[in-house]
Protein backbone atom coordinates (compact mmCIF):
# COMPACT_ATOMS: atom_id res chain seq x y z
CA MET A 1 -0.24 -0.19 -0.05
CA SER A 2 3.05 2.57 0.83
CA LYS A 3 4.48 1.70 -2.66
CA LEU A 4 0.79 2.75 -4.40
CA MET A 5 1.00 5.90 -2.23
CA ASN A 6 3.95 6.84 -3.02
CA ARG A 7 3.57 6.27 -6.61
CA ALA A 8 0.45 8.31 -6.41
CA VAL A 9 2.16 11.27 -5.12
CA ALA A 10 5.25 10.79 -7.34
CA SER A 11 2.33 10.96 -10.07
CA PHE A 12 0.83 14.16 -8.77
CA TRP A 13 3.95 16.12 -8.60
CA LEU A 14 5.20 15.32 -11.81
CA GLY A 15 2.21 15.88 -13.29
CA ALA A 16 1.74 19.25 -11.92
CA VAL A 17 5.49 20.02 -12.85
CA ALA A 18 4.91 19.15 -16.62
CA LEU A 19 1.71 21.56 -16.37
CA VAL A 20 3.70 24.49 -15.35
CA PRO A 21 5.51 25.34 -18.75
CA MET A 22 2.12 24.13 -20.52
CA GLN A 23 0.63 26.74 -18.41
CA ALA A 24 3.45 29.12 -19.44
CA LEU A 25 2.88 28.91 -22.86
CA ALA A 26 -1.32 29.21 -23.07
CA ALA A 27 0.03 32.39 -20.82
CA GLU A 28 1.53 33.95 -23.44
CA GLY A 29 -1.38 34.16 -25.66
CA HIS A 30 -3.90 34.24 -23.66
CA GLY A 31 -7.13 36.23 -24.25
CA PRO A 32 -7.64 39.69 -22.82
CA GLU A 33 -9.30 39.81 -19.22
CA ILE A 34 -13.32 40.79 -19.28
CA GLU A 35 -15.02 41.61 -15.93
CA ARG A 36 -18.01 39.87 -14.46
CA GLN A 37 -21.26 41.46 -14.60
CA ARG A 38 -24.48 41.19 -12.52
CA TRP A 39 -27.06 39.95 -13.77
CA SER A 40 -30.85 39.38 -12.80
CA PHE A 41 -30.75 35.64 -14.00
CA GLY A 42 -27.40 34.92 -12.86
CA GLY A 43 -26.78 32.36 -9.68
CA PHE A 44 -29.19 29.67 -8.23
CA ARG A 45 -32.31 31.72 -7.81
CA GLY A 46 -31.57 34.08 -10.61
CA GLN A 47 -34.88 35.04 -13.02
CA PHE A 48 -35.19 37.03 -16.49
CA ASP A 49 -36.24 40.89 -16.01
CA THR A 50 -39.16 41.04 -18.02
CA ALA A 51 -39.02 45.04 -18.82
CA GLN A 52 -35.25 44.40 -19.58
CA LEU A 53 -35.93 41.62 -22.27
CA GLN A 54 -38.36 44.05 -23.79
CA ARG A 55 -36.17 46.82 -23.99
CA GLY A 56 -33.00 44.45 -25.27
CA PHE A 57 -35.43 42.97 -28.46
CA GLN A 58 -36.18 46.69 -28.64
CA VAL A 59 -32.28 47.15 -29.38
CA TYR A 60 -32.42 43.63 -31.26
CA GLU A 61 -35.01 45.00 -33.80
CA LYS A 62 -33.88 48.50 -34.15
CA VAL A 63 -29.57 47.63 -34.54
CA CYS A 64 -28.87 44.18 -34.41
CA SER A 65 -31.52 42.80 -37.05
CA ASN A 66 -30.13 44.84 -39.38
CA CYS A 67 -27.79 42.45 -40.10
CA HIS A 68 -28.54 38.88 -37.65
CA GLY A 69 -30.89 37.06 -37.56
CA LEU A 70 -32.57 34.96 -34.70
CA SER A 71 -33.76 32.04 -36.44
CA ARG A 72 -34.54 29.73 -33.56
CA ILE A 73 -36.91 31.85 -31.61
CA TYR A 74 -40.74 32.13 -33.05
CA PHE A 75 -42.43 35.70 -33.02
CA ARG A 76 -44.34 33.12 -30.73
CA ASN A 77 -42.03 32.90 -28.05
CA LEU A 78 -41.79 36.79 -27.52
CA VAL A 79 -45.74 36.25 -25.65
CA GLN A 80 -44.50 33.11 -23.76
CA GLY A 81 -44.12 32.99 -20.04
CA GLY A 82 -40.42 34.06 -18.89
CA GLY A 83 -39.59 36.00 -21.81
CA PRO A 84 -40.46 39.40 -22.71
CA GLN A 85 -44.19 38.64 -22.86
CA PHE A 86 -45.51 41.20 -25.13
CA PRO A 87 -49.23 41.21 -25.54
CA GLU A 88 -50.04 39.00 -28.52
CA ALA A 89 -51.99 41.37 -30.88
CA SER A 90 -48.56 43.73 -30.73
CA VAL A 91 -46.73 40.89 -31.62
CA LYS A 92 -48.67 39.75 -34.31
CA ALA A 93 -48.84 42.97 -35.53
CA LEU A 94 -44.74 43.01 -35.61
CA ALA A 95 -44.52 39.50 -37.16
CA ALA A 96 -46.60 40.80 -39.84
CA SER A 97 -44.65 43.92 -40.83
CA TRP A 98 -41.13 42.31 -40.39
CA PRO A 99 -39.04 42.84 -43.69
CA ASN A 100 -37.40 39.48 -44.07
CA LYS A 101 -40.21 37.51 -45.48
CA ILE A 102 -40.71 33.97 -44.69
CA THR A 103 -40.04 31.47 -48.29
CA ASP A 104 -43.26 28.86 -48.51
CA GLY A 105 -44.93 26.70 -51.19
CA PRO A 106 -45.00 25.50 -53.63
CA ASN A 107 -48.09 27.08 -54.52
CA ASP A 108 -50.92 25.59 -57.12
CA GLU A 109 -48.47 26.12 -59.52
CA GLY A 110 -45.02 24.60 -58.47
CA ASN A 111 -43.48 27.94 -57.51
CA MET A 112 -42.02 29.44 -54.04
CA PHE A 113 -43.08 32.26 -53.17
CA GLU A 114 -42.48 34.77 -49.98
CA ARG A 115 -45.26 35.85 -47.47
CA PRO A 116 -45.11 37.89 -44.18
CA ALA A 117 -44.43 36.34 -40.81
CA GLY A 118 -47.10 34.94 -38.05
CA LEU A 119 -46.55 33.89 -35.02
CA PRO A 120 -45.15 30.55 -35.85
CA ASP A 121 -42.53 31.74 -37.93
CA PRO A 122 -38.80 32.31 -37.08
CA ILE A 123 -37.45 35.70 -36.66
CA LEU A 124 -35.29 35.77 -39.59
CA GLY A 125 -32.48 37.99 -40.98
CA PRO A 126 -31.90 39.88 -43.71
CA TYR A 127 -29.74 37.60 -45.98
CA LYS A 128 -31.36 33.96 -47.18
CA ASN A 129 -27.56 32.35 -46.83
CA GLU A 130 -23.90 32.60 -46.04
CA LYS A 131 -22.63 33.49 -49.35
CA GLN A 132 -25.58 36.31 -49.55
CA ALA A 133 -24.55 37.47 -46.28
CA ARG A 134 -20.81 37.44 -46.75
CA ALA A 135 -21.37 39.41 -50.19
CA ASN A 136 -22.59 42.05 -48.60
CA GLN A 137 -20.49 42.63 -45.61
CA ASN A 138 -17.24 42.89 -47.35
CA GLY A 139 -16.77 38.96 -46.72
CA ALA A 140 -17.37 39.34 -42.82
CA TYR A 141 -20.18 36.95 -41.47
CA PRO A 142 -22.75 38.18 -38.99
CA PRO A 143 -23.77 35.16 -37.29
CA ASP A 144 -27.35 34.17 -36.28
CA LEU A 145 -27.96 35.38 -32.24
CA SER A 146 -30.24 32.69 -30.98
CA LEU A 147 -27.42 30.95 -29.39
CA ILE A 148 -24.49 33.50 -29.23
CA VAL A 149 -24.40 33.59 -25.54
CA LYS A 150 -23.96 30.05 -25.50
CA ALA A 151 -21.10 30.40 -27.88
CA ARG A 152 -19.37 32.42 -26.21
CA THR A 153 -17.58 32.72 -22.66
CA VAL A 154 -14.88 34.32 -20.74
CA GLU A 155 -11.17 33.75 -20.33
CA ARG A 156 -9.00 33.34 -16.99
CA ASN A 157 -5.52 33.61 -16.92
CA PRO A 158 -5.12 32.88 -13.00
CA SER A 159 -2.04 30.99 -11.99
CA TRP A 160 -2.05 27.35 -12.17
CA TRP A 161 -2.52 25.91 -9.24
CA THR A 162 -5.95 28.20 -8.68
CA HIS A 163 -7.71 26.52 -10.81
CA PRO A 164 -9.34 24.10 -9.18
CA PHE A 165 -10.12 26.69 -6.39
CA LEU A 166 -11.61 28.56 -9.11
CA MET A 167 -13.81 25.75 -10.95
CA LEU A 168 -15.24 24.84 -7.03
CA GLY A 169 -16.39 28.34 -6.92
CA ASP A 170 -17.75 28.32 -10.10
CA ILE A 171 -19.80 25.79 -9.23
CA PHE A 172 -20.88 26.41 -5.37
CA SER A 173 -22.32 30.11 -7.23
CA SER A 174 -23.82 28.28 -9.80
CA TYR A 175 -22.04 30.57 -12.61
CA GLN A 176 -22.90 30.26 -16.10
CA GLU A 177 -23.39 33.80 -17.26
CA GLY A 178 -19.96 33.76 -19.38
CA GLY A 179 -21.36 34.52 -22.57
CA ALA A 180 -23.25 37.40 -21.50
CA ASP A 181 -20.18 38.54 -19.56
CA TYR A 182 -18.02 38.46 -22.93
CA LEU A 183 -20.90 39.64 -24.87
CA TYR A 184 -21.35 42.69 -22.91
CA GLY A 185 -18.01 43.26 -23.07
CA LEU A 186 -17.62 42.91 -26.37
CA LEU A 187 -20.71 46.09 -27.30
CA THR A 188 -18.79 48.00 -24.81
CA GLY A 189 -15.11 47.10 -25.74
CA TYR A 190 -14.75 49.56 -28.66
CA SER A 191 -12.10 52.21 -28.57
CA ASP A 192 -9.68 54.38 -30.47
CA PRO A 193 -6.69 51.82 -30.96
CA PRO A 194 -3.60 52.77 -29.02
CA GLU A 195 -0.80 54.54 -29.83
CA GLY A 196 1.58 52.64 -31.92
CA VAL A 197 -1.20 50.18 -32.92
CA THR A 198 -2.23 49.82 -37.00
CA VAL A 199 -6.05 48.80 -37.55
CA ALA A 200 -6.38 46.86 -41.03
CA ASP A 201 -8.96 48.49 -43.19
CA GLY A 202 -12.47 47.71 -42.59
CA MET A 203 -11.28 46.72 -38.98
CA SER A 204 -12.31 48.30 -35.74
CA TYR A 205 -10.39 48.28 -32.52
CA ASN A 206 -12.00 46.10 -29.28
CA LYS A 207 -10.24 45.86 -26.35
CA ALA A 208 -12.59 42.92 -25.55
CA PHE A 209 -11.76 40.83 -28.58
CA ALA A 210 -8.85 38.27 -29.21
CA GLY A 211 -6.21 39.77 -31.20
CA HIS A 212 -8.58 42.65 -30.42
CA GLN A 213 -9.77 44.06 -34.88
CA LEU A 214 -13.00 43.21 -35.41
CA ALA A 215 -14.61 43.27 -38.53
CA MET A 216 -17.85 45.04 -36.97
CA PRO A 217 -18.13 48.02 -36.64
CA GLN A 218 -19.10 49.30 -33.44
CA PRO A 219 -23.30 48.84 -33.47
CA LEU A 220 -24.30 51.08 -30.24
CA GLN A 221 -23.85 54.25 -28.88
CA ASP A 222 -25.78 56.76 -26.79
CA ASP A 223 -29.07 57.40 -28.48
CA SER A 224 -29.03 54.82 -30.80
CA VAL A 225 -32.60 53.27 -29.92
CA GLU A 226 -35.77 55.26 -28.29
CA TYR A 227 -37.13 53.35 -25.33
CA GLN A 228 -40.39 53.08 -25.18
CA ASP A 229 -39.85 52.86 -20.94
CA GLY A 230 -38.36 56.00 -20.90
CA THR A 231 -34.83 54.67 -19.91
CA PRO A 232 -31.92 56.90 -20.11
CA LYS A 233 -30.48 55.97 -24.08
CA THR A 234 -27.07 55.40 -22.90
CA LEU A 235 -24.58 52.10 -24.38
CA ASP A 236 -24.26 51.05 -21.26
CA ASN A 237 -27.95 50.48 -20.65
CA TYR A 238 -28.12 49.18 -24.52
CA ALA A 239 -25.63 46.49 -24.15
CA ARG A 240 -26.63 44.86 -20.55
CA ASP A 241 -30.15 45.13 -22.66
CA VAL A 242 -29.67 43.47 -26.20
CA THR A 243 -26.89 41.05 -23.78
CA ALA A 244 -29.98 40.15 -21.45
CA PHE A 245 -32.65 39.60 -24.61
CA LEU A 246 -30.06 37.27 -26.05
CA ALA A 247 -29.99 35.30 -22.86
CA TRP A 248 -32.82 34.16 -23.08
CA ALA A 249 -32.64 33.71 -26.79
CA ALA A 250 -30.32 31.16 -25.70
CA ASP A 251 -32.14 29.90 -22.85
CA PRO A 252 -35.82 30.48 -22.94
CA SER A 253 -36.75 27.77 -20.39
CA LEU A 254 -34.31 29.59 -17.67
CA ASP A 255 -36.96 30.84 -15.35
CA GLN A 256 -39.12 27.49 -15.79
CA ARG A 257 -36.08 25.38 -14.77
CA LYS A 258 -34.83 27.02 -12.08
CA ARG A 259 -37.93 27.07 -10.33
CA ILE A 260 -38.43 23.54 -10.89
CA GLY A 261 -34.78 23.01 -9.54
CA TRP A 262 -35.62 24.10 -6.40
CA GLN A 263 -38.48 22.04 -6.38
CA VAL A 264 -36.87 19.04 -6.79
CA MET A 265 -34.53 19.96 -4.22
CA LEU A 266 -37.15 20.66 -1.59
CA TYR A 267 -38.73 16.93 -2.46
CA LEU A 268 -35.28 15.15 -2.15
CA LEU A 269 -34.99 16.54 1.27
CA VAL A 270 -37.96 15.72 2.34
CA THR A 271 -37.67 12.40 1.24
CA THR A 272 -34.51 11.98 2.69
CA VAL A 273 -36.17 12.92 5.92
CA LEU A 274 -38.62 10.01 5.77
CA LEU A 275 -36.49 7.41 4.26
CA TYR A 276 -33.81 8.47 7.33
CA LEU A 277 -37.25 8.28 9.77
CA GLY A 278 -38.44 5.31 8.39
CA LYS A 279 -34.97 3.03 8.31
CA LYS A 280 -34.85 4.24 12.42
CA ARG A 281 -38.29 3.33 13.47
CA VAL A 282 -37.62 -0.04 10.64
CA TRP A 283 -34.41 -0.59 13.06
CA SER A 284 -35.30 0.54 16.41
CA SER A 285 -36.42 -2.69 17.58
CA ILE A 286 -33.38 -4.90 16.54
CA LYS A 287 -29.86 -5.08 18.79
CA HIS A 288 -27.03 -4.24 16.69
């Protein structure tokens, strides 16, 4: 047994020693640090803020939809609980007036045709396919934003030996907002390039983007959108609201999932207590 323990300890330290240069190499090319934000939907008990989701959709509609689609979200989702919860009549009118029509068919003549969207239809972007998008964006491809928050995350670059503790902290705090933090950092990270840094033609400097040169020009500025509820028209508000909306788009069932999670935890706790009391009663008359 002692030999096995010695081998295990030796293997651990050999692995640790081997990990140091790997971490050092990774640190040389690591991405920018992005500050964590406070979100209403963060943590174990977090829930989406309906008013914020409504403002976020406003920002998406007025700014983001000019280039990006939201094809995994349907107009009916904007009415359902846990989301923006717009009035159904308003969403029907919005769908009918949405500029990107639905390709349907074939008709009686065997031809495809375009029609206005309805509640059962997805929220489409302006381009029919990737080639059309690149042709209109100087070769850059504006991705669909349905799952963009799940497809991105932040990068942390601490000392290698602190990673296990940071991972445990994320587990106990239920941290899942890395994509939202990244997107907020990206939307607010545009700035003039530092002295001595040259930005290529058609690119914009962004502090949060790896490499700091981004093909998407700054989409949000103060006064970009007139909020219907009177919220101040600032870049910070726009970035927070549209990020929250896209976080909902990537996980529309978050509110329900967290509520069910707490109910399940309560059920398991009660079951555990009952099983313990039952065991005590069954075995109380038996001598050990």
